[in-house]
Amino acid sequence: MIKHRAFGLFGGYLILNPAGRPLEFHCTAAVKASRAQEILYGPTLQAYLQAELIGRALYEHARRTPAVVLTDRRAMLELGQITDASVAYLDPADRTTSAPSVAEKARPGSEGTSSAHHEGRRRDGLRDLGLDHVALAYPAAQADRFRPLREMLRATVGRLDLREPFARIRCAIREAHQVRSTPESRAA
C-alpha cells in the first residue's frame, strides 16, 4: 500500500512462487475517501478502504489463488472475513522476520530454528502462528484455516525474507503510477 497526500491510497498485490519469483502482479488506481466517508466510517475507514475496496478488488482480480495472503497492514486482515483468503499479518515493526543466518543455522542445538515466537494468543486479539524467526499473526477465528498452512509457512520463512517483497510491491506501484517518493507520499 502506498499513501499519497494528493491522490490517496494505491494498493498492490504480488503473488510469488516458493523461490520468491513473481507469478502475478496487480495494482489499483488511487482510492481516496471523501470527507463524508471519513466522518461516517470513523475508525473503520482504513479497514473499509484497504480490505473491502482495495484488497478485495486485487484478490478477486488475480488469476491465481495463493495458499496464504501476507500483509503488512493490519487493516487488511478484514480481507479474510469478506473473502475465502487466509490472511496473515506480518508486523512491520517486528525485526525478526528475516530467514535465519548461516551462523544461526550452524549454532549447536539450534537446528536452524529459534523459539523466539510460540503459537498463542497475543494481547492485540490476534493469534501468533508460532513460526521461528517471524512474527506472523492471524485472527483467532481463522485458526482452522492456518493449521494446515503452518509447515508450508515454516519452509518459506527458512528461504525468504518475508519483508522484502513488500518493498518490491511499493516500488512497482510507484513505477506503474509514476508516483515518486516525496515528503507527501509514504508507505501506508
Foldseek 3Di string as FASTA:
>chain_A
DKQFQVQGDKDKDFDADLLRHTDDIDMDGHDDDDPVLCVVCPPLSVLCVPAVPGVVVVQVPDPDHDLAAEDQDPSNLCNVVVDVHHYKHFPPVDPQQAAADPVQCPPPPNVRFDQPFQWQDDPVQWTALRAGSTGITHHPVCVVSCPVCSVVVNSSSNNGRVVVVVVVRVVVRCVVVVPDDDPRMDHD
